[in-house]
Amino acid sequence: MKLVGKYIDKRNGSGYVTLRPEDDEDIWHLYNLIQQDDLVKAPAVRRVQNVSATGSTESHRVKLNLKIQVSRVEYSSSGGAQPSSSDQTSQGSNSTPNMQSTATLHISGKVVSENQYVRLGAFHTLDIEINRDIRIEKSDGWDSIALSRVQESCVPGRGAEVGAVVCGEGSAAFCLLSQHLTLVTHRISTPIPRKASASGSSQYEKAMTKFYSMVYDAFLRHIPFGNPSLRAIVFASPGWVRESVYTWMTNEASRRGDKLLARSLREKTVKVHVSSPHVHSLMEVMKSPEIVAQLKETKFAREGIVLDKFFKMLASDEMRAWYGPDHVCLAADRGAVGTLLISDELFRSSDPKTRKKYVSLVEGVQRKGGEVVIFSSMHESGQQLNQLTGIAAILTFPLDVEVVEAEEREAAEEAEKNKQEGSEGKVG
């Protein structure tokens, strides 16, 4: 993401930010930044009808900049990940793939700045595109979470840090993992016959050879193995498939004279055993010692480590592992939160009060010296956290939920009693 312009009033947080998205992850950042009632200005194409003096009408498209008040934001990461049973031959094995944008962002709302083509109050949907500037003005001002996301999205040198091939016999999923996204770029599925006899064995070997070839060609197109930002290439599978795929690819790269691919495979490959050949097995990949050692500084690896720590704490000492908005807020009020796990999905609430509640919670935990890990709901770890209400906490000391709730009820009853006595005293 490129920061084109920015003005934020430090007194009340009002102001604007102008950004230029450059890849799929930037589109995801914009989706998390833009809220209902925000003002957004971006390029648009509008169909305009003209009526001549004779009464005939003609229409044409006009490019213009529109400013709307947001009523709905829709994000989609689809594209390039459909399963296929066959593959086209890769054009040129010595070049890295050209990764195109597949994410889409549609922002709908009323036009608030009139021009000669669009009347004030008309509805329009902005289709946000790569390398097109977008200006965002916050209706309630820019809070700390929004500003930190802007800052994080504009760090140079980002991109996919892990390319993964999760495979089984006849199936493979090609994934790219960046700081905030897990993108399935392609899938392969082809039938593999069983080795029940000598003839069956021959058919099996032919099918597997075809499968390996499909994996090789798809890898060239969908994994940017030559990018400096790609720190690891993961081959994950149950059983022996990962070893066979890796061996076949290294041999084929040598046969074709693809030195870049051969070097990338040799220097970046990590082979990991997983329980199933499906994309959700990436959580097992992120917790493997090989990946943790190599990627311990990255955001998504940190998410996996923290979530694993929470589940272990929940199993061994449940008084130090709390989840759910109400319980986590109670623990935060007592200064007991050592690590706060919170999903970015909670900050996309259409209710400003709900968003402010979670922003205040994050800022309160940070002020008291706690760690805050904001999980991306586009990663497997974030999706698992969402199943636990999207918020959890590892406490620095044990607290009994029932005792804390009883104390809260007593405090509320005492406050209500004092309030009634005060009102009776005024009447008397």
Protein backbone atom coordinates (compact mmCIF):
# COMPACT_ATOMS: atom_id res chain seq x y z
CA MET A 1 0.00 0.00 0.00
CA LYS A 2 1.23 3.47 -0.83
CA LEU A 3 0.33 6.40 1.43
CA VAL A 4 -0.54 9.22 -0.99
CA GLY A 5 -1.82 11.79 1.52
CA LYS A 6 -2.78 12.09 5.17
CA TYR A 7 -4.16 14.67 7.56
CA ILE A 8 -5.35 13.68 11.03
CA ASP A 9 -6.34 16.23 13.70
CA LYS A 10 -4.67 15.03 16.90
CA ARG A 11 -7.35 16.65 19.05
CA ASN A 12 -10.39 14.69 17.84
CA GLY A 13 -9.06 12.21 15.25
CA SER A 14 -10.89 13.82 12.34
CA GLY A 15 -9.25 13.98 8.95
CA TYR A 16 -8.55 11.86 5.90
CA VAL A 17 -6.13 9.31 4.51
CA THR A 18 -5.50 8.76 0.80
CA LEU A 19 -4.16 5.30 -0.08
CA ARG A 20 -3.16 3.45 -3.25
CA PRO A 21 -3.67 -0.35 -3.02
CA GLU A 22 -1.02 -2.42 -4.80
CA ASP A 23 -2.02 -6.06 -4.16
CA ASP A 24 -4.66 -8.37 -2.68
CA GLU A 25 -3.50 -7.80 0.88
CA ASP A 26 -3.99 -4.04 0.45
CA ILE A 27 -7.59 -4.68 -0.63
CA TRP A 28 -8.06 -6.68 2.58
CA HIS A 29 -6.62 -3.77 4.62
CA LEU A 30 -9.09 -1.36 2.98
CA TYR A 31 -11.95 -3.74 3.81
CA ASN A 32 -10.93 -3.59 7.46
CA LEU A 33 -10.47 0.20 7.41
CA ILE A 34 -13.74 1.30 5.80
CA GLN A 35 -16.79 1.37 8.07
CA GLN A 36 -20.43 2.29 7.64
CA ASP A 37 -21.01 6.10 7.39
CA ASP A 38 -17.39 6.79 6.41
CA LEU A 39 -16.86 9.13 3.44
CA VAL A 40 -14.98 7.50 0.57
CA LYS A 41 -13.78 9.14 -2.65
CA ALA A 42 -12.50 6.99 -5.51
CA PRO A 43 -12.53 6.72 -9.32
CA ALA A 44 -15.76 5.42 -10.83
CA VAL A 45 -17.37 4.74 -14.19
CA ARG A 46 -20.96 5.95 -14.53
CA ARG A 47 -23.36 5.35 -17.41
CA VAL A 48 -24.87 8.70 -18.50
CA GLN A 49 -27.93 9.15 -20.71
CA ASN A 50 -28.40 12.20 -22.92
CA VAL A 51 -31.72 13.24 -24.47
CA SER A 52 -31.52 15.11 -27.75
CA ALA A 53 -33.91 17.85 -28.94
CA THR A 54 -35.78 15.27 -31.00
CA GLY A 55 -36.38 13.07 -27.94
CA SER A 56 -33.93 10.30 -28.79
CA THR A 57 -31.65 9.05 -26.05
CA GLU A 58 -28.08 7.84 -26.12
CA SER A 59 -25.92 6.54 -23.30
CA HIS A 60 -22.19 6.46 -22.77
CA ARG A 61 -19.77 5.76 -19.93
CA VAL A 62 -18.01 8.58 -18.11
CA LYS A 63 -14.98 8.30 -15.85
CA LEU A 64 -15.20 10.50 -12.76
CA ASN A 65 -14.30 10.71 -9.07
CA LEU A 66 -17.25 10.09 -6.75
CA LYS A 67 -17.56 10.75 -3.04
CA ILE A 68 -20.07 8.57 -1.20
CA GLN A 69 -21.23 7.97 2.35
CA VAL A 70 -20.73 4.26 2.94
CA SER A 71 -23.74 2.06 3.64
CA ARG A 72 -22.30 -1.36 2.70
CA VAL A 73 -18.86 -2.88 2.11
CA GLU A 74 -18.42 -6.24 0.36
CA TYR A 75 -15.14 -8.15 0.03
CA SER A 76 -14.37 -11.26 -1.99
CA SER A 77 -11.07 -13.13 -2.30
CA SER A 78 -12.30 -15.55 -5.00
CA GLY A 79 -10.41 -16.24 -8.16
CA GLY A 80 -7.68 -18.60 -9.27
CA ALA A 81 -8.47 -21.28 -6.71
CA GLN A 82 -10.95 -23.47 -8.52
CA PRO A 83 -10.22 -27.19 -8.59
CA SER A 84 -9.09 -28.60 -11.90
CA SER A 85 -8.40 -32.04 -13.25
CA SER A 86 -6.07 -30.88 -15.98
CA ASP A 87 -3.53 -28.14 -16.49
CA GLN A 88 -2.18 -26.18 -19.40
CA THR A 89 1.52 -26.50 -20.10
CA SER A 90 3.48 -23.69 -18.49
CA GLN A 91 4.94 -21.17 -20.90
CA GLY A 92 8.61 -20.84 -20.08
CA SER A 93 9.94 -22.58 -17.00
CA ASN A 94 12.63 -20.03 -16.21
CA SER A 95 10.35 -17.20 -15.17
CA THR A 96 8.49 -16.59 -11.95
CA PRO A 97 4.70 -16.33 -12.11
CA ASN A 98 2.93 -13.04 -12.61
CA MET A 99 0.52 -12.97 -9.67
CA GLN A 100 -2.62 -11.03 -10.61
CA SER A 101 -5.07 -9.49 -8.20
CA THR A 102 -8.02 -11.73 -7.38
CA ALA A 103 -9.55 -9.84 -4.45
CA THR A 104 -12.47 -7.49 -5.03
CA LEU A 105 -13.94 -4.72 -2.88
CA HIS A 106 -17.32 -3.10 -3.54
CA ILE A 107 -18.36 -0.01 -1.54
CA SER A 108 -21.97 1.17 -1.82
CA GLY A 109 -23.58 4.35 -0.57
CA LYS A 110 -25.18 7.71 -1.33
CA VAL A 111 -23.31 10.31 -3.36
CA VAL A 112 -22.53 13.30 -1.11
CA SER A 113 -20.61 15.48 -3.57
CA GLU A 114 -22.64 16.54 -6.60
CA ASN A 115 -21.24 16.90 -10.11
CA GLN A 116 -22.62 17.38 -13.61
CA TYR A 117 -23.22 13.65 -14.14
CA VAL A 118 -24.50 12.43 -10.76
CA ARG A 119 -27.10 14.09 -8.58
CA LEU A 120 -26.73 14.46 -4.83
CA GLY A 121 -28.21 11.50 -2.92
CA ALA A 122 -27.99 9.03 -5.80
CA PHE A 123 -26.76 5.55 -4.92
CA HIS A 124 -23.55 4.21 -6.41
CA THR A 125 -21.21 1.25 -5.89
CA LEU A 126 -17.48 1.91 -6.11
CA ASP A 127 -15.36 -0.99 -7.40
CA ILE A 128 -11.95 -0.54 -5.78
CA GLU A 129 -9.08 -1.42 -8.11
CA ILE A 130 -5.35 -1.93 -7.75
CA ASN A 131 -3.20 1.20 -8.30
CA ARG A 132 -6.19 3.58 -8.04
CA ASP A 133 -6.21 6.15 -5.23
CA ILE A 134 -8.93 6.03 -2.59
CA ARG A 135 -9.56 8.73 0.02
CA ILE A 136 -11.17 7.78 3.35
CA GLU A 137 -12.69 10.15 5.92
CA LYS A 138 -13.83 8.61 9.22
CA SER A 139 -17.28 9.60 10.47
CA ASP A 140 -16.25 9.20 14.13
CA GLY A 141 -12.59 10.09 13.69
CA TRP A 142 -9.55 7.83 13.30
CA ASP A 143 -9.00 5.61 16.33
CA SER A 144 -5.76 3.87 17.28
CA ILE A 145 -6.70 0.55 15.62
CA ALA A 146 -7.44 2.19 12.26
CA LEU A 147 -4.27 4.29 12.35
CA SER A 148 -2.10 1.29 13.26
CA ARG A 149 -3.58 -0.65 10.32
CA VAL A 150 -2.77 2.22 7.94
CA GLN A 151 0.79 2.29 9.27
CA GLU A 152 1.15 -1.49 9.01
CA SER A 153 -0.27 -1.67 5.48
CA CYS A 154 2.21 0.91 4.20
CA VAL A 155 5.36 -0.93 5.38
CA PRO A 156 7.45 -1.50 2.23
CA GLY A 157 8.69 -4.92 1.12
CA ARG A 158 5.62 -6.88 2.14
CA GLY A 159 4.11 -9.70 0.12
CA ALA A 160 3.66 -13.44 0.36
CA GLU A 161 6.15 -14.88 2.83
CA VAL A 162 5.24 -18.56 2.54
CA GLY A 163 4.24 -20.59 -0.48
CA ALA A 164 2.63 -23.90 0.47
CA VAL A 165 1.60 -27.00 -1.45
CA VAL A 166 -0.73 -29.16 0.65
CA CYS A 167 -1.02 -32.45 -1.19
CA GLY A 168 -2.26 -36.02 -1.14
CA GLU A 169 -2.38 -38.73 -3.77
CA GLY A 170 -3.99 -36.98 -6.71
CA SER A 171 -4.87 -33.73 -4.93
CA ALA A 172 -2.96 -30.52 -4.26
CA ALA A 173 -3.81 -27.04 -3.00
CA PHE A 174 -1.43 -24.15 -3.71
CA CYS A 175 -1.49 -21.45 -1.03
CA LEU A 176 0.22 -18.13 -0.41
CA LEU A 177 0.50 -16.85 3.16
CA SER A 178 1.16 -13.18 3.81
CA GLN A 179 0.85 -11.14 6.99
CA HIS A 180 -2.95 -10.96 6.80
CA LEU A 181 -4.08 -13.34 4.06
CA THR A 182 -4.12 -17.03 3.32
CA LEU A 183 -4.86 -17.17 -0.39
CA VAL A 184 -5.61 -20.47 -2.13
CA THR A 185 -4.35 -19.68 -5.63
CA HIS A 186 -5.06 -23.04 -7.29
CA ARG A 187 -6.31 -26.58 -6.70
CA ILE A 188 -5.62 -29.84 -8.50
CA SER A 189 -7.66 -33.02 -8.30
CA THR A 190 -7.09 -36.08 -10.48
CA PRO A 191 -8.15 -39.74 -9.97
CA ILE A 192 -5.41 -42.20 -8.97
CA PRO A 193 -6.11 -45.96 -9.46
CA ARG A 194 -5.15 -48.47 -6.78
CA LYS A 195 -2.13 -50.81 -7.03
CA ALA A 196 -4.13 -54.06 -6.83
CA SER A 197 -2.14 -55.96 -9.48
CA ALA A 198 0.83 -55.67 -11.80
CA SER A 199 -1.30 -53.96 -14.45
CA GLY A 200 -2.88 -51.80 -11.73
CA SER A 201 0.58 -50.84 -10.53
CA SER A 202 1.50 -49.67 -14.03
CA GLN A 203 -1.66 -47.57 -14.27
CA TYR A 204 -0.96 -46.17 -10.81
CA GLU A 205 2.56 -45.09 -11.77
CA LYS A 206 1.33 -43.43 -14.97
CA ALA A 207 -1.36 -41.55 -13.03
CA MET A 208 1.12 -40.39 -10.38
CA THR A 209 3.60 -39.24 -13.04
CA LYS A 210 0.82 -37.20 -14.67
CA PHE A 211 -0.09 -35.78 -11.24
CA TYR A 212 3.52 -34.78 -10.52
CA SER A 213 3.71 -33.04 -13.89
CA MET A 214 0.49 -31.14 -13.16
CA VAL A 215 1.86 -30.07 -9.75
CA TYR A 216 5.11 -28.90 -11.34
CA ASP A 217 3.38 -26.77 -14.01
CA ALA A 218 0.89 -25.32 -11.51
CA PHE A 219 3.72 -24.53 -9.08
CA LEU A 220 5.48 -22.46 -11.77
CA ARG A 221 2.36 -20.38 -12.34
CA HIS A 222 0.97 -19.98 -8.83
CA ILE A 223 3.93 -19.85 -6.41
CA PRO A 224 6.27 -16.81 -6.80
CA PHE A 225 9.31 -18.86 -5.82
CA GLY A 226 11.80 -16.29 -7.10
CA ASN A 227 10.48 -13.36 -5.04
CA PRO A 228 12.96 -12.23 -2.35
CA SER A 229 10.07 -11.76 0.13
CA LEU A 230 9.15 -15.47 -0.06
CA ARG A 231 10.95 -16.96 2.92
CA ALA A 232 9.77 -20.58 2.75
CA ILE A 233 8.29 -23.12 0.35
CA VAL A 234 6.30 -25.73 2.26
CA PHE A 235 5.40 -29.20 0.99
CA ALA A 236 2.89 -30.71 3.40
CA SER A 237 1.06 -34.03 3.24
CA PRO A 238 0.14 -37.14 5.15
CA GLY A 239 2.44 -40.08 4.41
CA TRP A 240 5.12 -39.96 1.75
CA VAL A 241 3.55 -37.76 -0.97
CA ARG A 242 5.44 -34.57 -0.03
CA GLU A 243 8.79 -36.35 -0.42
CA SER A 244 7.83 -37.74 -3.83
CA VAL A 245 6.53 -34.39 -5.08
CA TYR A 246 9.64 -32.56 -3.90
CA THR A 247 12.00 -35.14 -5.44
CA TRP A 248 10.12 -35.11 -8.75
CA MET A 249 10.16 -31.30 -8.88
CA THR A 250 13.88 -31.00 -8.14
CA ASN A 251 14.69 -33.63 -10.78
CA GLU A 252 12.43 -31.96 -13.34
CA ALA A 253 13.93 -28.52 -12.62
CA SER A 254 17.40 -29.96 -13.23
CA ARG A 255 16.24 -31.70 -16.43
CA ARG A 256 14.76 -28.46 -17.78
CA GLY A 257 17.75 -26.40 -16.68
CA ASP A 258 15.65 -24.13 -14.46
CA LYS A 259 18.40 -22.92 -12.13
CA LEU A 260 16.21 -20.38 -10.32
CA LEU A 261 13.61 -22.98 -9.36
CA ALA A 262 16.26 -25.54 -8.39
CA ARG A 263 17.99 -23.03 -6.11
CA SER A 264 14.71 -21.85 -4.58
CA LEU A 265 13.66 -25.43 -3.81
CA ARG A 266 17.05 -26.23 -2.33
CA GLU A 267 17.26 -23.11 -0.12
CA LYS A 268 13.63 -22.48 0.89
CA THR A 269 11.89 -25.87 1.09
CA VAL A 270 10.43 -27.16 4.35
CA LYS A 271 8.68 -30.57 4.33
CA VAL A 272 6.01 -30.99 7.02
CA HIS A 273 3.79 -33.94 7.97
CA VAL A 274 0.09 -33.06 8.36
CA SER A 275 -2.93 -35.19 9.22
CA SER A 276 -4.97 -34.49 6.07
CA PRO A 277 -4.37 -33.17 2.52
CA HIS A 278 -6.66 -30.15 3.00
CA VAL A 279 -6.04 -26.43 3.40
CA HIS A 280 -7.08 -26.37 7.08
CA SER A 281 -3.95 -28.45 7.77
CA LEU A 282 -1.97 -25.22 7.41
CA MET A 283 -2.54 -24.72 11.14
CA GLU A 284 -0.43 -27.84 11.72
CA VAL A 285 2.17 -26.44 9.34
CA MET A 286 2.37 -23.16 11.27
CA LYS A 287 2.92 -25.03 14.56
CA SER A 288 5.66 -27.31 13.22
CA PRO A 289 9.09 -26.65 14.79
CA GLU A 290 10.73 -26.16 11.37
CA ILE A 291 8.33 -23.37 10.39
CA VAL A 292 8.29 -21.76 13.85
CA ALA A 293 12.10 -21.51 13.79
CA GLN A 294 12.17 -20.04 10.28
CA LEU A 295 9.18 -17.69 10.54
CA LYS A 296 9.01 -16.82 14.24
CA GLU A 297 9.10 -13.07 13.49
CA THR A 298 6.15 -13.07 11.09
CA LYS A 299 2.64 -12.06 12.15
CA PHE A 300 0.78 -15.20 11.06
CA ALA A 301 3.31 -17.50 12.74
CA ARG A 302 2.90 -15.48 15.93
CA GLU A 303 -0.88 -15.91 15.69
CA GLY A 304 -0.53 -19.70 15.48
CA ILE A 305 1.89 -19.84 18.42
CA VAL A 306 -0.32 -17.66 20.66
CA LEU A 307 -3.51 -19.56 19.79
CA ASP A 308 -1.77 -22.88 20.51
CA LYS A 309 -0.59 -21.48 23.86
CA PHE A 310 -4.18 -20.46 24.69
CA PHE A 311 -5.58 -23.91 23.95
CA LYS A 312 -2.86 -25.56 26.04
CA MET A 313 -3.64 -23.17 28.90
CA LEU A 314 -7.36 -23.90 28.54
CA ALA A 315 -6.62 -27.62 28.91
CA SER A 316 -4.18 -27.35 31.81
CA ASP A 317 -5.33 -24.27 33.81
CA GLU A 318 -8.75 -23.04 32.66
CA MET A 319 -8.80 -20.23 35.25
CA ARG A 320 -6.05 -18.53 33.23
CA ALA A 321 -7.73 -18.99 29.83
CA TRP A 322 -10.88 -16.94 29.32
CA TYR A 323 -12.89 -16.28 26.16
CA GLY A 324 -16.04 -14.39 25.22
CA PRO A 325 -16.51 -10.58 25.21
CA ASP A 326 -18.05 -10.28 28.68
CA HIS A 327 -15.56 -12.53 30.46
CA VAL A 328 -12.51 -11.02 28.75
CA CYS A 329 -13.71 -7.49 29.63
CA LEU A 330 -14.11 -8.55 33.29
CA ALA A 331 -10.56 -9.93 33.30
CA ALA A 332 -9.24 -6.75 31.68
CA ASP A 333 -10.97 -4.58 34.32
CA ARG A 334 -9.01 -6.49 36.98
CA GLY A 335 -5.72 -6.04 35.12
CA ALA A 336 -5.36 -9.80 34.68
CA VAL A 337 -4.92 -9.98 30.90
CA GLY A 338 -1.38 -10.92 29.90
CA THR A 339 -2.15 -11.66 26.24
CA LEU A 340 -5.31 -10.55 24.43
CA LEU A 341 -6.33 -12.54 21.35
CA ILE A 342 -8.84 -10.62 19.24
CA SER A 343 -10.13 -11.09 15.69
CA ASP A 344 -10.11 -8.24 13.20
CA GLU A 345 -13.71 -9.23 12.43
CA LEU A 346 -14.85 -7.57 15.69
CA PHE A 347 -13.53 -4.19 14.53
CA ARG A 348 -15.71 -4.38 11.39
CA SER A 349 -18.91 -4.08 13.42
CA SER A 350 -21.49 -1.76 11.84
CA ASP A 351 -22.32 -0.48 15.34
CA PRO A 352 -19.87 2.33 16.29
CA LYS A 353 -20.40 1.62 20.01
CA THR A 354 -19.33 -2.01 19.58
CA ARG A 355 -16.18 -1.02 17.68
CA LYS A 356 -15.31 1.63 20.29
CA LYS A 357 -15.79 -0.97 23.03
CA TYR A 358 -13.16 -3.26 21.49
CA VAL A 359 -10.81 -0.36 20.68
CA SER A 360 -10.99 0.77 24.32
CA LEU A 361 -10.37 -2.81 25.47
CA VAL A 362 -7.23 -3.10 23.31
CA GLU A 363 -5.90 0.29 24.46
CA GLY A 364 -6.63 -0.58 28.12
CA VAL A 365 -4.74 -3.89 27.91
CA GLN A 366 -1.78 -2.17 26.23
CA ARG A 367 -1.69 0.58 28.88
CA LYS A 368 -1.44 -2.07 31.59
CA GLY A 369 1.50 -3.75 29.87
CA GLY A 370 -0.39 -6.62 28.24
CA GLU A 371 0.28 -8.00 24.76
CA VAL A 372 -2.39 -7.66 22.07
CA VAL A 373 -2.46 -10.00 19.07
CA ILE A 374 -5.00 -9.01 16.39
CA PHE A 375 -5.81 -12.12 14.34
CA SER A 376 -6.63 -11.98 10.64
CA SER A 377 -9.88 -13.82 9.92
CA MET A 378 -8.39 -14.74 6.54
CA HIS A 379 -5.92 -17.07 8.27
CA GLU A 380 -6.86 -20.47 9.66
CA SER A 381 -5.89 -19.34 13.17
CA GLY A 382 -8.23 -16.35 12.92
CA GLN A 383 -11.09 -18.58 11.79
CA GLN A 384 -10.52 -20.85 14.79
CA LEU A 385 -10.56 -17.84 17.11
CA ASN A 386 -13.83 -16.67 15.51
CA GLN A 387 -15.36 -19.98 16.56
CA LEU A 388 -14.49 -18.96 20.15
CA THR A 389 -16.50 -15.69 19.78
CA GLY A 390 -13.50 -13.90 18.24
CA ILE A 391 -11.92 -12.87 21.53
CA ALA A 392 -9.92 -14.68 24.21
CA ALA A 393 -7.27 -13.94 26.82
CA ILE A 394 -4.39 -15.63 28.58
CA LEU A 395 -4.36 -14.29 32.15
CA THR A 396 -1.29 -13.46 34.21
CA PHE A 397 -2.94 -14.95 37.31
CA PRO A 398 -5.90 -17.33 37.77
CA LEU A 399 -9.42 -15.99 38.19
CA ASP A 400 -12.57 -18.00 38.89
CA VAL A 401 -15.31 -16.91 36.47
CA GLU A 402 -18.13 -17.69 38.90
CA VAL A 403 -16.48 -15.74 41.74
CA VAL A 404 -15.85 -12.73 39.50
CA GLU A 405 -19.42 -12.74 38.18
CA ALA A 406 -20.76 -12.98 41.76
CA GLU A 407 -18.63 -9.97 42.75
CA GLU A 408 -19.95 -8.04 39.76
CA ARG A 409 -23.56 -8.83 40.72
CA GLU A 410 -22.96 -7.76 44.32
CA ALA A 411 -21.35 -4.51 43.16
CA ALA A 412 -24.28 -3.81 40.82
CA GLU A 413 -26.83 -4.54 43.57
CA GLU A 414 -24.92 -2.31 45.99
CA ALA A 415 -24.83 0.52 43.46
CA GLU A 416 -28.55 0.17 42.80
CA LYS A 417 -29.27 0.16 46.54
CA ASN A 418 -27.20 3.32 47.10
CA LYS A 419 -28.96 4.98 44.19
CA GLN A 420 -32.39 4.21 45.65
CA GLU A 421 -31.36 5.41 49.13
CA GLY A 422 -30.02 8.62 47.61
CA SER A 423 -33.26 9.29 45.73
CA GLU A 424 -35.35 8.59 48.87
CA GLY A 425 -33.16 10.99 50.88
CA LYS A 426 -33.79 13.76 48.37
CA VAL A 427 -37.56 13.18 48.53
CA GLY A 428 -37.50 13.29 52.36
